[in-house]
Amino acid sequence: MKPEEYHSKDYLPRGYYPWPDLISPHAEQMGKDMEGWIDNDYTFLTEKQREKYKKMRLHMCTARMWPDLTYEQSIPCNRFMLQYVALDDQVEHSSPKEMEQMRNRCTAILRGEQPKPEENALYQHIALIRDEFRALMPAIWVERFIHYFYQSFRYGIELEYPYKKAERPPSLHLFKTIREYSVLMRPYLIFGEIESGLVLPEHIFEHIVFQKMISHMTLTVAWQNDIHSLPKEMAKGTEVFNLVFVLQQQYNLSLAEACSETFRIHNEEMAGFMTLHSEYREFGEYQEHVDQFVYYAGVGLQGVNTFYLETERYLHGGAGFAWPEKIVNEKDLL
């Protein structure tokens, strides 16, 4: 198989998952909001990058993953979609020290510090996200969100760096460990608790079975992402953090063989998640809460798959991606 012959819909077509494929009734306004943020606040990006982000229509990812949010609830979720995607995209040329500074600063703002007037939209918007979530959700949930943000940045974005720098992937086993965090799904996953209004108490959330379900869910999205983002990453030529590339290197597979194995691993991951949920029904009075969490996670999985099939973000050749420009990162990100 030649790279140009690859199409992710051949593996993950629309409606692939056993949950409804929905969209928020507020999607149009969410799009207007995001375009306004990009034009008026994300001015540290170049005009070309801003146009790319607008064409990605990232608000549709929010609208499809969490379709039952009220408009008020959707605002911080939609704002975070843009903030975290842009942050992840634009740290490509940042050093480990710069990444650490960004992580510490974002976390400090989430915990209450105020951004300085000269700090860019990544910091101004994380403060708005904090305040909006605090107005909507209990303290236990806000702390959960901050913890997952920190985890994903510290053990996802930052741990990828040496392998990207060396342009060589880690072993499959280590890759799977890091990819669970570098897909950045954990802070997004708990948005389902906003939709349902059922916030899990810590003793349920930290239960080993529930945490294992979250691990399976997160990795399912990781392998889904690797399948859909492959055309963009093949174009880059130096990307190593994709399951297809890891499998090719470790087992000397062709592109077609590695894609088939990636799809198998994806299905195995999802089956593990669904099996745990169906077999372990010992959450007592909180079983309904867990079931609702799983339902909204499933809707999110279905929704992000549809988004991948519609967005320009992962076009062949990388034409739809807002590639980081080194001068912008060095001058303006910190």
Protein backbone atom coordinates (compact mmCIF):
# COMPACT_ATOMS: atom_id res chain seq x y z
CA MET A 1 0.00 0.00 0.00
CA LYS A 2 1.30 3.44 -0.96
CA PRO A 3 0.78 6.31 1.51
CA GLU A 4 -1.64 8.08 -0.84
CA GLU A 5 -3.79 4.94 -0.96
CA TYR A 6 -4.38 5.00 2.79
CA HIS A 7 -7.78 6.18 4.04
CA SER A 8 -8.67 6.00 7.71
CA LYS A 9 -12.38 5.50 6.96
CA ASP A 10 -11.48 2.07 5.60
CA TYR A 11 -10.72 1.10 9.21
CA LEU A 12 -12.95 3.41 11.27
CA PRO A 13 -15.96 4.53 9.23
CA ARG A 14 -18.63 6.80 10.60
CA GLY A 15 -20.86 5.03 13.13
CA TYR A 16 -18.25 2.37 13.89
CA TYR A 17 -18.86 2.34 17.65
CA PRO A 18 -21.95 1.04 19.49
CA TRP A 19 -23.09 4.44 20.75
CA PRO A 20 -25.22 7.17 19.15
CA ASP A 21 -23.62 9.64 16.73
CA LEU A 22 -24.88 13.01 17.98
CA ILE A 23 -24.21 16.73 17.66
CA SER A 24 -24.86 19.67 19.95
CA PRO A 25 -27.72 22.02 19.03
CA HIS A 26 -25.30 24.83 19.93
CA ALA A 27 -22.67 23.86 17.36
CA GLU A 28 -23.14 26.93 15.14
CA GLN A 29 -22.68 29.39 18.01
CA MET A 30 -19.76 27.38 19.33
CA GLY A 31 -18.11 27.81 15.95
CA LYS A 32 -18.61 31.56 16.03
CA ASP A 33 -17.16 31.68 19.54
CA MET A 34 -14.05 29.76 18.53
CA GLU A 35 -13.44 31.83 15.42
CA GLY A 36 -13.64 34.95 17.57
CA TRP A 37 -11.07 33.56 20.01
CA ILE A 38 -8.72 32.64 17.18
CA ASP A 39 -9.01 36.03 15.48
CA ASN A 40 -8.99 38.26 18.55
CA ASP A 41 -6.99 36.39 21.20
CA TYR A 42 -4.64 33.89 19.53
CA THR A 43 -2.63 36.65 17.91
CA PHE A 44 0.70 35.04 18.88
CA LEU A 45 0.04 32.64 16.00
CA THR A 46 0.74 33.66 12.42
CA GLU A 47 -2.15 34.56 10.15
CA LYS A 48 -1.58 31.31 8.25
CA GLN A 49 -1.77 29.25 11.44
CA ARG A 50 -4.94 31.03 12.58
CA GLU A 51 -6.61 30.27 9.26
CA LYS A 52 -5.63 26.62 9.59
CA TYR A 53 -7.18 26.40 13.06
CA LYS A 54 -10.39 27.94 11.81
CA LYS A 55 -10.59 25.44 8.95
CA MET A 56 -10.08 22.54 11.39
CA ARG A 57 -13.43 23.46 12.98
CA LEU A 58 -12.32 22.18 16.36
CA HIS A 59 -15.61 23.32 17.87
CA MET A 60 -17.20 20.39 16.05
CA CYS A 61 -15.07 18.04 18.11
CA THR A 62 -16.58 19.58 21.24
CA ALA A 63 -20.07 19.54 19.72
CA ARG A 64 -19.83 15.88 18.71
CA MET A 65 -18.07 14.52 21.78
CA TRP A 66 -20.32 16.23 24.34
CA PRO A 67 -23.61 16.91 22.53
CA ASP A 68 -25.73 17.15 25.70
CA LEU A 69 -23.92 20.09 27.24
CA THR A 70 -25.93 23.26 27.68
CA TYR A 71 -24.51 26.26 25.84
CA GLU A 72 -23.16 27.66 29.12
CA GLN A 73 -21.47 24.35 29.91
CA SER A 74 -20.04 24.09 26.41
CA ILE A 75 -18.11 27.37 26.60
CA PRO A 76 -15.19 26.25 28.85
CA CYS A 77 -15.13 22.81 27.18
CA ASN A 78 -14.92 24.41 23.74
CA ARG A 79 -12.39 26.96 24.96
CA PHE A 80 -10.23 24.14 26.36
CA MET A 81 -10.44 22.21 23.08
CA LEU A 82 -8.74 25.08 21.28
CA GLN A 83 -6.33 25.91 24.10
CA TYR A 84 -4.99 22.38 24.59
CA VAL A 85 -4.81 21.49 20.90
CA ALA A 86 -2.95 24.71 20.07
CA LEU A 87 -0.63 24.26 23.06
CA ASP A 88 0.23 20.70 22.04
CA ASP A 89 0.72 21.64 18.39
CA GLN A 90 2.91 24.63 19.03
CA VAL A 91 5.43 23.16 21.52
CA GLU A 92 7.09 21.14 18.77
CA HIS A 93 10.27 23.23 18.85
CA SER A 94 10.24 23.93 22.58
CA SER A 95 13.02 22.60 24.79
CA PRO A 96 12.34 20.41 27.84
CA LYS A 97 12.97 23.44 30.06
CA GLU A 98 10.47 25.54 28.11
CA MET A 99 7.88 22.77 28.28
CA GLU A 100 8.36 22.50 32.04
CA GLN A 101 7.87 26.26 32.39
CA MET A 102 4.68 26.13 30.33
CA ARG A 103 3.31 23.20 32.33
CA ASN A 104 4.10 24.84 35.65
CA ARG A 105 2.63 28.17 34.57
CA CYS A 106 -0.59 26.66 33.23
CA THR A 107 -1.01 24.55 36.35
CA ALA A 108 -0.37 27.53 38.62
CA ILE A 109 -3.02 29.53 36.79
CA LEU A 110 -5.49 26.65 37.05
CA ARG A 111 -4.83 26.65 40.80
CA GLY A 112 -5.57 30.34 41.14
CA GLU A 113 -2.74 32.56 39.93
CA GLN A 114 -3.67 35.30 37.48
CA PRO A 115 -2.02 35.55 34.06
CA LYS A 116 0.12 38.61 33.39
CA PRO A 117 -1.16 41.09 30.80
CA GLU A 118 1.72 40.26 28.46
CA GLU A 119 1.08 36.50 28.54
CA ASN A 120 -0.55 35.11 25.42
CA ALA A 121 -3.95 33.47 24.88
CA LEU A 122 -2.79 30.05 26.06
CA TYR A 123 -2.48 31.53 29.56
CA GLN A 124 -5.32 34.06 29.37
CA HIS A 125 -7.75 31.35 28.28
CA ILE A 126 -6.63 28.78 30.85
CA ALA A 127 -7.60 31.35 33.50
CA LEU A 128 -11.02 31.80 31.88
CA ILE A 129 -11.45 28.02 31.70
CA ARG A 130 -10.63 27.78 35.41
CA ASP A 131 -13.16 30.44 36.37
CA GLU A 132 -15.88 29.01 34.12
CA PHE A 133 -15.42 25.48 35.46
CA ARG A 134 -15.41 26.73 39.04
CA ALA A 135 -18.77 28.40 38.39
CA LEU A 136 -20.25 25.20 36.97
CA MET A 137 -18.72 22.32 38.89
CA PRO A 138 -17.87 21.29 42.47
CA ALA A 139 -14.32 21.63 43.79
CA ILE A 140 -13.71 17.86 43.61
CA TRP A 141 -14.31 17.91 39.87
CA VAL A 142 -12.18 21.00 39.24
CA GLU A 143 -9.30 19.38 41.12
CA ARG A 144 -9.77 16.23 39.04
CA PHE A 145 -9.53 18.30 35.86
CA ILE A 146 -6.36 20.07 37.03
CA HIS A 147 -4.76 16.75 38.00
CA TYR A 148 -5.48 15.22 34.60
CA PHE A 149 -4.25 18.32 32.79
CA TYR A 150 -0.97 18.15 34.71
CA GLN A 151 -0.61 14.38 34.17
CA SER A 152 -1.15 14.58 30.43
CA PHE A 153 1.31 17.43 29.99
CA ARG A 154 3.99 16.03 32.33
CA TYR A 155 3.84 12.38 31.30
CA GLY A 156 2.55 12.81 27.76
CA ILE A 157 3.83 15.87 25.94
CA GLU A 158 7.10 16.03 27.85
CA LEU A 159 7.99 12.33 27.72
CA GLU A 160 7.64 12.29 23.93
CA TYR A 161 10.37 14.88 23.53
CA PRO A 162 13.58 12.76 23.51
CA TYR A 163 12.11 10.31 20.99
CA LYS A 164 10.89 13.07 18.69
CA LYS A 165 14.26 14.79 19.01
CA ALA A 166 16.09 11.58 18.09
CA GLU A 167 13.49 10.78 15.40
CA ARG A 168 13.20 7.23 16.67
CA PRO A 169 10.24 5.66 18.46
CA PRO A 170 10.49 3.82 21.77
CA SER A 171 9.74 0.11 22.07
CA LEU A 172 6.11 -0.89 21.67
CA HIS A 173 5.69 -1.54 25.40
CA LEU A 174 7.10 1.83 26.43
CA PHE A 175 5.24 3.58 23.63
CA LYS A 176 1.90 2.25 24.89
CA THR A 177 2.70 3.52 28.38
CA ILE A 178 3.51 7.06 27.21
CA ARG A 179 0.79 7.20 24.55
CA GLU A 180 -1.92 6.74 27.18
CA TYR A 181 -1.00 10.23 28.39
CA SER A 182 0.29 11.91 25.24
CA VAL A 183 -3.07 11.49 23.50
CA LEU A 184 -4.18 14.15 26.05
CA MET A 185 -7.62 12.57 26.48
CA ARG A 186 -7.79 12.26 30.26
CA PRO A 187 -8.84 15.85 31.06
CA TYR A 188 -11.41 15.74 28.24
CA LEU A 189 -12.85 12.41 29.31
CA ILE A 190 -14.35 13.76 32.51
CA PHE A 191 -16.46 16.32 30.61
CA GLY A 192 -19.10 13.57 30.60
CA GLU A 193 -19.57 14.28 34.30
CA ILE A 194 -20.65 17.79 33.36
CA GLU A 195 -23.25 16.42 30.92
CA SER A 196 -24.68 13.85 33.30
CA GLY A 197 -24.53 16.00 36.42
CA LEU A 198 -23.26 12.90 38.24
CA VAL A 199 -19.82 13.58 39.68
CA LEU A 200 -18.20 10.41 40.94
CA PRO A 201 -16.83 10.48 44.51
CA GLU A 202 -13.13 9.81 44.90
CA HIS A 203 -13.50 6.29 46.30
CA ILE A 204 -15.34 5.28 43.10
CA PHE A 205 -13.20 7.30 40.71
CA GLU A 206 -10.01 5.83 42.16
CA HIS A 207 -11.33 2.25 42.20
CA ILE A 208 -8.91 0.00 40.32
CA VAL A 209 -11.60 -1.31 37.95
CA PHE A 210 -12.81 2.18 37.11
CA GLN A 211 -9.25 3.41 36.58
CA LYS A 212 -8.57 0.43 34.31
CA MET A 213 -11.66 1.32 32.29
CA ILE A 214 -10.32 4.87 31.93
CA SER A 215 -7.00 3.43 30.77
CA HIS A 216 -8.75 1.31 28.12
CA MET A 217 -10.90 4.25 27.01
CA THR A 218 -7.91 6.56 26.74
CA LEU A 219 -5.86 4.08 24.74
CA THR A 220 -8.79 3.35 22.44
CA VAL A 221 -8.83 7.06 21.57
CA ALA A 222 -5.04 6.99 21.18
CA TRP A 223 -5.19 4.19 18.60
CA GLN A 224 -8.17 5.87 16.94
CA ASN A 225 -6.13 9.06 16.70
CA ASP A 226 -3.13 7.22 15.29
CA ILE A 227 -5.31 5.71 12.57
CA HIS A 228 -6.87 9.04 11.57
CA SER A 229 -3.76 11.21 11.90
CA LEU A 230 -1.48 8.89 9.89
CA PRO A 231 -1.80 10.78 6.55
CA LYS A 232 -0.59 14.00 8.18
CA GLU A 233 2.21 12.24 10.05
CA MET A 234 3.46 10.34 7.00
CA ALA A 235 3.82 13.70 5.26
CA LYS A 236 5.95 15.10 8.07
CA GLY A 237 8.51 12.34 7.60
CA THR A 238 10.02 12.68 11.07
CA GLU A 239 7.03 11.78 13.27
CA VAL A 240 7.62 8.74 15.47
CA PHE A 241 4.74 8.80 17.97
CA ASN A 242 2.21 6.79 16.03
CA LEU A 243 1.43 3.13 16.66
CA VAL A 244 1.76 2.34 12.95
CA PHE A 245 5.37 3.59 12.87
CA VAL A 246 6.25 1.82 16.11
CA LEU A 247 4.93 -1.48 14.79
CA GLN A 248 6.74 -1.03 11.48
CA GLN A 249 10.05 -0.51 13.25
CA GLN A 250 9.72 -3.21 15.90
CA TYR A 251 8.40 -5.97 13.65
CA ASN A 252 9.63 -4.87 10.22
CA LEU A 253 6.08 -4.64 8.87
CA SER A 254 4.83 -3.09 5.67
CA LEU A 255 2.51 -0.09 5.91
CA ALA A 256 -0.53 -2.26 5.20
CA GLU A 257 0.51 -4.86 7.79
CA ALA A 258 1.16 -2.22 10.45
CA CYS A 259 -2.21 -0.55 9.76
CA SER A 260 -4.03 -3.87 10.11
CA GLU A 261 -2.24 -4.60 13.38
CA THR A 262 -3.02 -1.10 14.69
CA PHE A 263 -6.70 -1.68 13.93
CA ARG A 264 -6.58 -5.03 15.73
CA ILE A 265 -4.97 -3.46 18.80
CA HIS A 266 -7.60 -0.71 18.74
CA ASN A 267 -10.42 -3.26 18.71
CA GLU A 268 -8.78 -5.28 21.47
CA GLU A 269 -8.49 -2.15 23.61
CA MET A 270 -12.13 -1.25 23.13
CA ALA A 271 -13.20 -4.82 23.89
CA GLY A 272 -11.24 -4.69 27.15
CA PHE A 273 -13.08 -1.53 28.16
CA MET A 274 -16.52 -2.92 27.33
CA THR A 275 -15.82 -6.28 28.98
CA LEU A 276 -14.76 -4.66 32.25
CA HIS A 277 -17.87 -2.50 32.27
CA SER A 278 -20.22 -5.40 31.60
CA GLU A 279 -18.57 -7.87 34.01
CA TYR A 280 -17.90 -5.68 37.04
CA ARG A 281 -21.17 -4.40 38.50
CA GLU A 282 -20.07 -3.87 42.09
CA PHE A 283 -20.22 -0.09 42.42
CA GLY A 284 -23.33 -0.26 44.59
CA GLU A 285 -25.34 2.94 44.80
CA TYR A 286 -22.92 4.55 42.33
CA GLN A 287 -23.40 1.96 39.58
CA GLU A 288 -25.74 4.35 37.73
CA HIS A 289 -23.09 7.08 37.93
CA VAL A 290 -20.49 4.72 36.44
CA ASP A 291 -22.90 3.61 33.72
CA GLN A 292 -23.58 7.24 32.81
CA PHE A 293 -19.84 7.96 32.72
CA VAL A 294 -19.33 5.03 30.36
CA TYR A 295 -22.27 6.09 28.17
CA TYR A 296 -20.96 9.63 27.75
CA ALA A 297 -17.44 8.32 27.15
CA GLY A 298 -18.87 6.12 24.41
CA VAL A 299 -20.75 9.02 22.83
CA GLY A 300 -17.49 10.94 22.97
CA LEU A 301 -15.62 8.11 21.27
CA GLN A 302 -18.21 7.98 18.51
CA GLY A 303 -18.24 11.75 18.23
CA VAL A 304 -14.52 12.26 17.93
CA ASN A 305 -14.40 9.54 15.26
CA THR A 306 -16.97 11.47 13.21
CA PHE A 307 -14.99 14.66 13.77
CA TYR A 308 -11.82 13.04 12.45
CA LEU A 309 -13.66 12.05 9.28
CA GLU A 310 -14.91 15.61 8.74
CA THR A 311 -12.02 17.86 9.80
CA GLU A 312 -9.27 19.19 7.55
CA ARG A 313 -6.74 18.75 10.37
CA TYR A 314 -5.39 15.42 9.10
CA LEU A 315 -5.50 15.81 5.34
CA HIS A 316 -3.02 13.87 3.22
CA GLY A 317 0.24 15.70 2.89
CA GLY A 318 -0.34 17.63 6.10
CA ALA A 319 -2.08 20.41 4.16
CA GLY A 320 -4.64 21.04 6.89
CA PHE A 321 -2.32 21.11 9.91
CA ALA A 322 -1.11 24.28 11.66
CA TRP A 323 2.53 23.31 11.64
CA PRO A 324 4.52 25.13 14.34
CA GLU A 325 6.83 27.87 13.13
CA LYS A 326 9.98 27.95 15.21
CA ILE A 327 10.32 31.71 15.38
CA VAL A 328 6.78 32.03 16.73
CA ASN A 329 7.36 29.44 19.44
CA GLU A 330 10.65 30.87 20.65
CA LYS A 331 9.46 34.46 20.73
CA ASP A 332 5.89 34.24 21.87
CA LEU A 333 4.98 30.96 23.59
CA LEU A 334 6.72 31.72 26.88
